[in-house]
N, C-alpha and C. Protein backbone atom coordinates (compact mmCIF):
# COMPACT_ATOMS: atom_id res chain seq x y z
N MET A 1 -13.63 165.51 224.60
CA MET A 1 -14.85 164.75 224.66
C MET A 1 -15.87 165.44 223.67
N LYS A 2 -16.43 164.52 222.84
CA LYS A 2 -17.38 164.91 221.78
C LYS A 2 -18.67 165.18 222.24
N ILE A 3 -19.43 166.01 221.58
CA ILE A 3 -20.85 166.38 222.01
C ILE A 3 -21.76 165.18 222.04
N LYS A 4 -21.48 164.11 221.16
CA LYS A 4 -22.21 162.95 221.05
C LYS A 4 -22.07 162.14 222.38
N GLU A 5 -20.78 162.15 222.85
CA GLU A 5 -20.66 161.55 224.06
C GLU A 5 -21.27 162.11 225.29
N ILE A 6 -21.31 163.42 225.21
CA ILE A 6 -21.99 164.14 226.38
C ILE A 6 -23.48 163.82 226.42
N ARG A 7 -24.03 163.89 225.25
CA ARG A 7 -25.44 163.71 225.12
C ARG A 7 -25.94 162.40 225.52
N GLU A 8 -25.07 161.39 225.52
CA GLU A 8 -25.47 160.04 225.99
C GLU A 8 -25.26 159.89 227.50
N LEU A 9 -24.78 160.80 228.14
CA LEU A 9 -24.56 160.77 229.71
C LEU A 9 -25.82 161.24 230.34
N SER A 10 -26.15 160.68 231.56
CA SER A 10 -27.22 161.14 232.33
C SER A 10 -26.95 162.39 232.99
N ASP A 11 -27.99 163.01 233.67
CA ASP A 11 -27.81 164.35 234.31
C ASP A 11 -26.73 164.12 235.57
N ALA A 12 -26.90 163.06 236.30
CA ALA A 12 -25.91 162.83 237.33
C ALA A 12 -24.39 162.71 236.91
N GLU A 13 -24.46 161.92 235.78
CA GLU A 13 -23.00 161.76 235.20
C GLU A 13 -22.38 163.01 234.71
N LEU A 14 -23.26 163.82 234.20
CA LEU A 14 -22.83 165.21 233.66
C LEU A 14 -22.20 165.98 234.82
N VAL A 15 -22.90 166.04 235.98
CA VAL A 15 -22.56 166.83 237.18
C VAL A 15 -21.18 166.17 237.66
N SER A 16 -21.14 164.89 237.70
CA SER A 16 -19.80 164.37 238.23
C SER A 16 -18.61 164.62 237.34
N LYS A 17 -18.95 164.53 235.99
CA LYS A 17 -17.96 164.77 234.98
C LYS A 17 -17.36 166.31 234.99
N VAL A 18 -18.22 167.17 235.32
CA VAL A 18 -17.81 168.56 235.44
C VAL A 18 -16.95 168.73 236.67
N ALA A 19 -17.23 168.04 237.70
CA ALA A 19 -16.42 168.03 238.88
C ALA A 19 -15.13 167.48 238.79
N ASP A 20 -15.00 166.44 238.00
CA ASP A 20 -13.86 165.78 237.71
C ASP A 20 -12.82 166.60 236.84
N LEU A 21 -13.55 167.27 235.82
CA LEU A 21 -12.78 168.18 234.88
C LEU A 21 -12.38 169.45 235.64
N GLN A 22 -13.05 170.01 236.47
CA GLN A 22 -12.74 171.17 237.27
C GLN A 22 -11.47 170.83 238.22
N ARG A 23 -11.57 169.61 238.81
CA ARG A 23 -10.44 169.22 239.66
C ARG A 23 -9.32 169.06 238.83
N GLU A 24 -9.23 168.51 237.56
CA GLU A 24 -8.15 168.27 236.76
C GLU A 24 -7.68 169.73 236.26
N LYS A 25 -8.57 170.55 235.85
CA LYS A 25 -8.20 171.88 235.57
C LYS A 25 -7.42 172.60 236.68
N LEU A 26 -7.84 172.44 237.81
CA LEU A 26 -7.09 173.09 238.99
C LEU A 26 -5.74 172.43 239.00
N ASN A 27 -5.62 171.22 238.90
CA ASN A 27 -4.26 170.52 239.02
C ASN A 27 -3.46 171.00 237.88
N LEU A 28 -3.95 171.12 236.71
CA LEU A 28 -3.06 171.70 235.63
C LEU A 28 -2.76 173.17 235.81
N LYS A 29 -3.58 173.96 236.56
CA LYS A 29 -3.17 175.20 236.69
C LYS A 29 -2.06 175.38 237.74
N ILE A 30 -2.03 174.44 238.67
CA ILE A 30 -1.03 174.44 239.79
C ILE A 30 0.30 174.06 239.11
N GLN A 31 0.30 172.99 238.18
CA GLN A 31 1.36 172.64 237.43
C GLN A 31 1.83 173.72 236.43
N SER A 32 1.09 174.48 235.93
CA SER A 32 1.47 175.54 235.22
C SER A 32 2.26 176.65 235.82
N ARG A 33 1.75 176.93 237.08
CA ARG A 33 2.49 177.92 237.88
C ARG A 33 3.78 177.50 238.49
N THR A 34 3.84 176.18 238.56
CA THR A 34 5.12 175.71 239.09
C THR A 34 6.08 175.28 237.96
N GLY A 35 5.71 175.31 236.66
CA GLY A 35 6.54 175.01 235.54
C GLY A 35 6.62 173.65 235.23
N GLN A 36 5.66 172.80 235.76
CA GLN A 36 5.71 171.41 235.56
C GLN A 36 4.71 170.87 234.42
N LEU A 37 4.05 171.81 233.87
CA LEU A 37 2.96 171.40 232.88
C LEU A 37 3.59 171.11 231.50
N GLU A 38 3.43 169.98 231.02
CA GLU A 38 3.95 169.54 229.73
C GLU A 38 3.11 169.74 228.52
N LYS A 39 1.74 169.48 228.77
CA LYS A 39 0.74 169.56 227.66
C LYS A 39 -0.01 170.84 227.92
N THR A 40 0.30 171.93 227.47
CA THR A 40 -0.43 173.16 227.63
C THR A 40 -1.81 173.20 226.84
N ALA A 41 -1.89 172.39 225.81
CA ALA A 41 -3.17 172.37 225.15
C ALA A 41 -4.28 171.67 226.00
N ARG A 42 -3.83 170.87 226.94
CA ARG A 42 -4.91 170.18 227.67
C ARG A 42 -5.85 171.22 228.50
N VAL A 43 -5.20 172.29 228.97
CA VAL A 43 -5.98 173.18 229.68
C VAL A 43 -7.12 173.75 228.81
N ARG A 44 -6.73 174.11 227.67
CA ARG A 44 -7.88 174.63 226.65
C ARG A 44 -8.82 173.62 226.45
N GLN A 45 -8.47 172.44 226.22
CA GLN A 45 -9.37 171.22 225.91
C GLN A 45 -10.34 171.07 227.03
N ILE A 46 -9.80 170.99 228.30
CA ILE A 46 -10.71 170.81 229.45
C ILE A 46 -11.60 171.98 229.61
N ARG A 47 -11.22 173.32 229.35
CA ARG A 47 -12.21 174.40 229.43
C ARG A 47 -13.31 174.20 228.48
N ARG A 48 -12.94 173.77 227.24
CA ARG A 48 -13.94 173.56 226.29
C ARG A 48 -14.91 172.43 226.48
N ASP A 49 -14.45 171.33 227.21
CA ASP A 49 -15.29 170.32 227.57
C ASP A 49 -16.30 170.71 228.71
N ILE A 50 -15.80 171.47 229.64
CA ILE A 50 -16.67 172.00 230.70
C ILE A 50 -17.78 172.90 229.99
N ALA A 51 -17.49 173.66 229.08
CA ALA A 51 -18.39 174.63 228.32
C ALA A 51 -19.45 173.74 227.63
N ARG A 52 -18.93 172.60 226.99
CA ARG A 52 -19.87 171.81 226.32
C ARG A 52 -20.91 171.14 227.27
N ILE A 53 -20.34 170.79 228.39
CA ILE A 53 -21.33 170.11 229.31
C ILE A 53 -22.29 171.13 229.85
N TYR A 54 -21.79 172.21 230.16
CA TYR A 54 -22.77 173.39 230.64
C TYR A 54 -23.77 173.61 229.67
N THR A 55 -23.33 173.72 228.36
CA THR A 55 -24.31 173.91 227.35
C THR A 55 -25.41 172.94 227.23
N GLU A 56 -25.00 171.67 227.38
CA GLU A 56 -25.90 170.53 227.25
C GLU A 56 -26.87 170.56 228.43
N GLN A 57 -26.30 170.91 229.58
CA GLN A 57 -27.26 170.95 230.89
C GLN A 57 -28.24 172.21 230.64
N THR A 58 -27.83 173.18 230.00
CA THR A 58 -28.80 174.31 229.76
C THR A 58 -29.90 173.91 228.73
N ALA A 59 -29.52 173.17 227.83
CA ALA A 59 -30.39 172.72 226.70
C ALA A 59 -31.44 171.82 227.34
N ARG A 60 -30.89 170.92 228.12
CA ARG A 60 -31.87 169.92 228.81
C ARG A 60 -32.81 170.70 229.73
N ALA A 61 -32.30 171.70 230.49
CA ALA A 61 -33.22 172.42 231.26
C ALA A 61 -34.38 173.26 230.55
N ALA A 62 -34.03 173.68 229.40
CA ALA A 62 -34.80 174.38 228.46
C ALA A 62 -36.01 173.46 228.00
N LYS A 63 -35.62 172.25 227.62
CA LYS A 63 -36.49 171.25 227.21
C LYS A 63 -37.54 170.86 228.19
N VAL A 64 -37.12 170.96 229.43
CA VAL A 64 -38.06 170.56 230.53
C VAL A 64 -39.19 171.59 230.76
N GLN A 65 -38.76 172.73 230.70
CA GLN A 65 -39.70 173.94 230.77
C GLN A 65 -40.74 174.16 229.81
């Protein structure tokens, strides 16, 4: 997910997107532990997407204050 796409989302959409990504991250973690994970790079990509969303949420909170 690109930062441009993240900036276009509303606050509520960001929250739901983080929840979805965290659920997916958990599923991938379980797959990794059981040896069923095929795309190992996806875990890293999800972690970075979550970090990008958190960064955007922090930036928006700083603008409000």
